[in-house]
N, C-alpha and C. Protein backbone atom coordinates (compact mmCIF):
# COMPACT_ATOMS: atom_id res chain seq x y z
N MET A 1 -0.56 49.15 -16.98
CA MET A 1 -0.59 49.42 -15.55
C MET A 1 -1.64 48.53 -14.89
N ALA A 2 -1.30 47.98 -13.77
CA ALA A 2 -2.21 47.09 -13.03
C ALA A 2 -3.32 47.91 -12.37
N ASP A 3 -4.42 47.25 -12.13
CA ASP A 3 -5.56 47.85 -11.46
C ASP A 3 -5.15 48.25 -10.04
N THR A 4 -5.37 49.51 -9.67
CA THR A 4 -4.94 49.99 -8.35
C THR A 4 -5.66 49.26 -7.22
N GLY A 5 -6.88 48.80 -7.47
CA GLY A 5 -7.61 48.02 -6.46
C GLY A 5 -6.90 46.71 -6.16
N LYS A 6 -6.39 46.05 -7.21
CA LYS A 6 -5.66 44.79 -7.02
C LYS A 6 -4.36 45.03 -6.26
N ILE A 7 -3.68 46.11 -6.62
CA ILE A 7 -2.42 46.44 -5.94
C ILE A 7 -2.69 46.73 -4.46
N ALA A 8 -3.72 47.52 -4.19
CA ALA A 8 -4.05 47.87 -2.80
C ALA A 8 -4.41 46.62 -2.00
N LYS A 9 -5.18 45.72 -2.60
CA LYS A 9 -5.57 44.49 -1.90
C LYS A 9 -4.33 43.64 -1.60
N ASN A 10 -3.41 43.53 -2.57
CA ASN A 10 -2.19 42.76 -2.35
C ASN A 10 -1.30 43.41 -1.30
N LEU A 11 -1.17 44.72 -1.32
CA LEU A 11 -0.37 45.40 -0.30
C LEU A 11 -0.94 45.15 1.10
N GLU A 12 -2.25 45.15 1.19
CA GLU A 12 -2.90 44.87 2.48
C GLU A 12 -2.58 43.45 2.94
N ARG A 13 -2.65 42.48 2.02
CA ARG A 13 -2.33 41.08 2.36
C ARG A 13 -0.86 40.94 2.75
N PHE A 14 0.03 41.64 2.02
CA PHE A 14 1.46 41.59 2.34
C PHE A 14 1.70 42.11 3.76
N ALA A 15 1.07 43.24 4.09
CA ALA A 15 1.24 43.84 5.42
C ALA A 15 0.72 42.91 6.51
N GLN A 16 -0.42 42.26 6.26
CA GLN A 16 -0.97 41.32 7.23
C GLN A 16 -0.04 40.12 7.43
N ALA A 17 0.51 39.61 6.33
CA ALA A 17 1.40 38.45 6.42
C ALA A 17 2.69 38.79 7.15
N VAL A 18 3.25 39.95 6.87
CA VAL A 18 4.49 40.38 7.54
C VAL A 18 4.22 40.56 9.04
N ALA A 19 3.10 41.18 9.38
CA ALA A 19 2.75 41.39 10.79
C ALA A 19 2.56 40.04 11.50
N ALA A 20 1.88 39.11 10.85
CA ALA A 20 1.67 37.78 11.44
C ALA A 20 3.00 37.06 11.62
N HIS A 21 3.87 37.15 10.61
CA HIS A 21 5.18 36.50 10.71
C HIS A 21 5.98 37.07 11.87
N ASP A 22 6.06 38.38 11.95
CA ASP A 22 6.86 39.01 13.00
C ASP A 22 6.28 38.77 14.40
N ARG A 23 4.97 38.65 14.49
CA ARG A 23 4.33 38.36 15.78
C ARG A 23 4.62 36.92 16.21
N GLU A 24 4.57 35.98 15.26
CA GLU A 24 4.77 34.57 15.59
C GLU A 24 6.24 34.18 15.68
N ASN A 25 7.14 35.00 15.14
CA ASN A 25 8.57 34.72 15.15
C ASN A 25 9.33 35.93 15.67
N PRO A 26 9.28 36.18 16.98
CA PRO A 26 9.89 37.40 17.52
C PRO A 26 11.42 37.42 17.48
N THR A 27 12.05 36.28 17.20
CA THR A 27 13.52 36.25 17.19
C THR A 27 14.12 36.74 15.88
N HIS A 28 13.32 36.89 14.85
CA HIS A 28 13.82 37.42 13.58
C HIS A 28 12.70 38.16 12.86
N THR A 29 13.09 39.00 11.93
CA THR A 29 12.10 39.84 11.25
C THR A 29 12.09 39.61 9.75
N ALA A 30 10.97 39.95 9.15
CA ALA A 30 10.81 39.84 7.71
C ALA A 30 11.52 40.99 7.02
N HIS A 31 12.02 40.72 5.82
CA HIS A 31 12.66 41.78 5.05
C HIS A 31 12.12 41.89 3.63
N GLY A 32 11.27 40.94 3.22
CA GLY A 32 10.77 41.00 1.85
C GLY A 32 9.58 40.10 1.61
N ILE A 33 9.06 40.23 0.39
CA ILE A 33 7.97 39.39 -0.10
C ILE A 33 8.47 38.72 -1.37
N GLY A 34 8.30 37.41 -1.45
CA GLY A 34 8.66 36.66 -2.65
C GLY A 34 7.42 36.40 -3.48
N LEU A 35 7.49 36.79 -4.75
CA LEU A 35 6.37 36.61 -5.68
C LEU A 35 6.88 35.91 -6.93
N ALA A 36 6.01 35.19 -7.61
CA ALA A 36 6.35 34.64 -8.91
C ALA A 36 6.62 35.81 -9.86
N HIS A 37 7.57 35.61 -10.77
CA HIS A 37 7.93 36.69 -11.70
C HIS A 37 6.70 37.18 -12.48
N PHE A 38 5.84 36.26 -12.89
CA PHE A 38 4.62 36.62 -13.62
C PHE A 38 3.76 37.59 -12.80
N ASP A 39 3.60 37.31 -11.51
CA ASP A 39 2.78 38.17 -10.65
C ASP A 39 3.42 39.54 -10.47
N MET A 40 4.75 39.57 -10.38
CA MET A 40 5.44 40.87 -10.27
C MET A 40 5.15 41.71 -11.51
N GLU A 41 5.26 41.08 -12.68
CA GLU A 41 4.98 41.80 -13.93
C GLU A 41 3.52 42.26 -13.98
N ARG A 42 2.61 41.37 -13.63
CA ARG A 42 1.18 41.66 -13.70
C ARG A 42 0.79 42.82 -12.79
N LEU A 43 1.41 42.88 -11.61
CA LEU A 43 1.09 43.94 -10.65
C LEU A 43 1.93 45.20 -10.84
N GLY A 44 2.94 45.12 -11.69
CA GLY A 44 3.76 46.30 -11.97
C GLY A 44 4.85 46.56 -10.95
N PHE A 45 5.26 45.54 -10.19
CA PHE A 45 6.34 45.70 -9.21
C PHE A 45 7.69 45.45 -9.87
N ASP A 46 8.72 46.13 -9.37
CA ASP A 46 10.09 45.92 -9.83
C ASP A 46 10.87 45.16 -8.77
N GLU A 47 11.84 44.34 -9.20
CA GLU A 47 12.70 43.60 -8.28
C GLU A 47 13.39 44.57 -7.33
N GLY A 48 13.31 44.31 -6.03
CA GLY A 48 13.96 45.14 -5.03
C GLY A 48 13.20 46.39 -4.64
N GLU A 49 12.03 46.60 -5.23
CA GLU A 49 11.23 47.79 -4.91
C GLU A 49 10.71 47.69 -3.48
N GLU A 50 10.82 48.78 -2.73
CA GLU A 50 10.30 48.80 -1.36
C GLU A 50 8.80 49.05 -1.42
N ILE A 51 8.03 48.06 -0.99
CA ILE A 51 6.57 48.17 -1.07
C ILE A 51 5.94 48.55 0.26
N LEU A 52 6.63 48.24 1.34
CA LEU A 52 6.23 48.63 2.70
C LEU A 52 7.50 49.05 3.40
N PRO A 53 7.43 49.81 4.47
CA PRO A 53 8.67 50.23 5.15
C PRO A 53 9.54 49.03 5.55
N GLY A 54 10.73 48.96 4.96
CA GLY A 54 11.67 47.87 5.25
C GLY A 54 11.39 46.57 4.53
N ILE A 55 10.37 46.52 3.70
CA ILE A 55 9.97 45.30 3.00
C ILE A 55 10.12 45.52 1.50
N THR A 56 10.96 44.70 0.86
CA THR A 56 11.17 44.79 -0.58
C THR A 56 10.55 43.58 -1.27
N ILE A 57 10.29 43.74 -2.56
CA ILE A 57 9.67 42.68 -3.35
C ILE A 57 10.74 41.95 -4.14
N HIS A 58 10.64 40.61 -4.22
CA HIS A 58 11.63 39.81 -4.92
C HIS A 58 10.95 38.71 -5.71
N ALA A 59 11.50 38.43 -6.89
CA ALA A 59 11.00 37.31 -7.69
C ALA A 59 11.55 36.02 -7.11
N ASP A 60 10.69 35.01 -7.03
CA ASP A 60 11.15 33.69 -6.61
C ASP A 60 10.48 32.65 -7.49
N SER A 61 10.74 31.42 -7.21
CA SER A 61 10.21 30.34 -8.05
C SER A 61 8.87 29.83 -7.53
N GLY A 62 8.17 30.67 -6.81
CA GLY A 62 6.88 30.29 -6.25
C GLY A 62 5.80 30.15 -7.31
N VAL A 63 4.67 29.65 -6.90
CA VAL A 63 3.54 29.43 -7.78
C VAL A 63 2.80 30.75 -7.99
N THR A 64 2.32 30.97 -9.20
CA THR A 64 1.54 32.16 -9.51
C THR A 64 0.31 32.22 -8.60
N GLY A 65 0.04 33.40 -8.07
CA GLY A 65 -1.10 33.58 -7.19
C GLY A 65 -0.77 33.44 -5.72
N ASN A 66 0.46 33.05 -5.41
CA ASN A 66 0.89 32.90 -4.02
C ASN A 66 2.10 33.79 -3.76
N PHE A 67 2.30 34.13 -2.51
CA PHE A 67 3.51 34.86 -2.13
C PHE A 67 4.03 34.27 -0.84
N ARG A 68 5.27 34.61 -0.51
CA ARG A 68 5.82 34.16 0.76
C ARG A 68 6.59 35.28 1.41
N VAL A 69 6.62 35.25 2.73
CA VAL A 69 7.36 36.25 3.50
C VAL A 69 8.81 35.80 3.57
N LEU A 70 9.72 36.69 3.19
CA LEU A 70 11.15 36.40 3.25
C LEU A 70 11.71 36.96 4.55
N CYS A 71 12.53 36.17 5.24
CA CYS A 71 13.05 36.63 6.52
C CYS A 71 14.48 36.14 6.72
N ASP A 72 15.09 36.61 7.79
CA ASP A 72 16.47 36.26 8.09
C ASP A 72 16.57 35.13 9.10
N GLY A 73 15.49 34.45 9.38
CA GLY A 73 15.48 33.40 10.40
C GLY A 73 15.38 32.01 9.81
N GLU A 74 15.51 31.04 10.70
CA GLU A 74 15.42 29.63 10.35
C GLU A 74 14.16 29.07 10.99
N HIS A 75 13.17 28.71 10.18
CA HIS A 75 11.90 28.22 10.71
C HIS A 75 11.91 26.73 11.00
N ASP A 76 12.92 26.00 10.54
CA ASP A 76 12.97 24.56 10.73
C ASP A 76 13.87 24.16 11.89
N GLU A 77 14.18 25.08 12.80
CA GLU A 77 15.09 24.79 13.91
C GLU A 77 14.61 23.62 14.75
N GLU A 78 13.32 23.61 15.12
CA GLU A 78 12.79 22.54 15.96
C GLU A 78 12.85 21.21 15.23
N LEU A 79 12.55 21.22 13.94
CA LEU A 79 12.58 20.00 13.15
C LEU A 79 13.99 19.44 13.06
N SER A 80 14.98 20.29 12.80
CA SER A 80 16.35 19.80 12.70
C SER A 80 16.87 19.32 14.05
N GLU A 81 16.45 19.96 15.15
CA GLU A 81 16.85 19.49 16.48
C GLU A 81 16.25 18.12 16.76
N ALA A 82 15.02 17.90 16.38
CA ALA A 82 14.38 16.60 16.58
C ALA A 82 15.07 15.53 15.75
N GLU A 83 15.45 15.87 14.51
CA GLU A 83 16.18 14.93 13.66
C GLU A 83 17.52 14.58 14.28
N GLU A 84 18.22 15.59 14.81
CA GLU A 84 19.51 15.36 15.46
C GLU A 84 19.37 14.42 16.64
N GLU A 85 18.35 14.64 17.46
CA GLU A 85 18.12 13.78 18.62
C GLU A 85 17.83 12.35 18.18
N ALA A 86 17.06 12.19 17.13
CA ALA A 86 16.75 10.85 16.64
C ALA A 86 18.00 10.16 16.12
N VAL A 87 18.83 10.88 15.41
CA VAL A 87 20.07 10.31 14.90
C VAL A 87 20.98 9.91 16.05
N GLU A 88 21.11 10.75 17.06
CA GLU A 88 21.95 10.43 18.21
C GLU A 88 21.39 9.23 18.97
N ALA A 89 20.09 9.16 19.12
CA ALA A 89 19.49 8.04 19.85
C ALA A 89 19.72 6.73 19.11
N ILE A 90 19.61 6.75 17.83
CA ILE A 90 19.82 5.55 17.03
C ILE A 90 21.29 5.16 17.04
N ALA A 91 22.17 6.13 16.93
CA ALA A 91 23.59 5.84 16.86
C ALA A 91 24.16 5.38 18.19
N SER A 92 23.51 5.64 19.29
CA SER A 92 24.06 5.30 20.60
C SER A 92 23.79 3.86 21.02
N ARG A 93 23.04 3.12 20.28
CA ARG A 93 22.79 1.72 20.63
C ARG A 93 23.16 0.82 19.46
N SER A 94 23.62 -0.37 19.78
CA SER A 94 23.98 -1.31 18.71
C SER A 94 22.88 -2.34 18.55
N VAL A 95 22.65 -2.70 17.33
CA VAL A 95 21.62 -3.69 17.02
C VAL A 95 22.32 -4.84 16.31
N PRO A 96 22.18 -6.06 16.82
CA PRO A 96 22.84 -7.19 16.16
C PRO A 96 22.23 -7.45 14.79
N ALA A 97 23.08 -7.79 13.86
CA ALA A 97 22.62 -8.10 12.51
C ALA A 97 22.19 -9.56 12.47
N ILE A 98 21.02 -9.81 11.97
CA ILE A 98 20.50 -11.17 11.88
C ILE A 98 20.28 -11.48 10.42
N SER A 99 20.85 -12.58 9.97
CA SER A 99 20.63 -12.96 8.58
C SER A 99 19.45 -13.91 8.51
N PRO A 100 18.66 -13.78 7.49
CA PRO A 100 17.49 -14.66 7.38
C PRO A 100 17.93 -16.10 7.09
N GLY A 101 17.12 -17.02 7.52
CA GLY A 101 17.40 -18.43 7.25
C GLY A 101 17.13 -18.75 5.79
N SER A 102 17.24 -19.97 5.43
CA SER A 102 17.01 -20.35 4.04
C SER A 102 15.53 -20.26 3.72
N SER A 103 15.24 -19.97 2.49
CA SER A 103 13.88 -19.83 2.04
C SER A 103 13.29 -21.20 1.74
N PRO A 104 12.03 -21.42 2.04
CA PRO A 104 11.43 -22.71 1.70
C PRO A 104 11.28 -22.88 0.20
N PHE A 105 11.46 -21.80 -0.56
CA PHE A 105 11.31 -21.87 -2.00
C PHE A 105 12.63 -22.13 -2.71
N GLU A 106 13.74 -22.09 -1.99
CA GLU A 106 15.05 -22.32 -2.60
C GLU A 106 15.31 -23.82 -2.70
N ALA A 107 15.96 -24.19 -3.77
CA ALA A 107 16.34 -25.60 -3.93
C ALA A 107 17.60 -25.86 -3.12
N HIS A 108 17.65 -26.98 -2.45
CA HIS A 108 18.81 -27.31 -1.63
C HIS A 108 19.73 -28.20 -2.38
């Protein structure tokens, strides 16, 4: 059995992270915490166990000692929109192809 102090400290951190996520991303909510399988075993959590109201624990391929908030939203929306704009801007103009002249090092 894991030390109850460690479990309590982790639950507090999980609650803080979920609250911060939901405050900074009001368009979607968190539904879980992703932990490395080793950390789940060490802390005594089971896959899918509800650790906070509406928040379940899940094993992921994360690094030991770290966790991540799992949610139903897309955090890279702004990045993908910027990429789309860049692609459209590049595709909308034509650039003439220029071939390099002969090299001074080539034999003629």
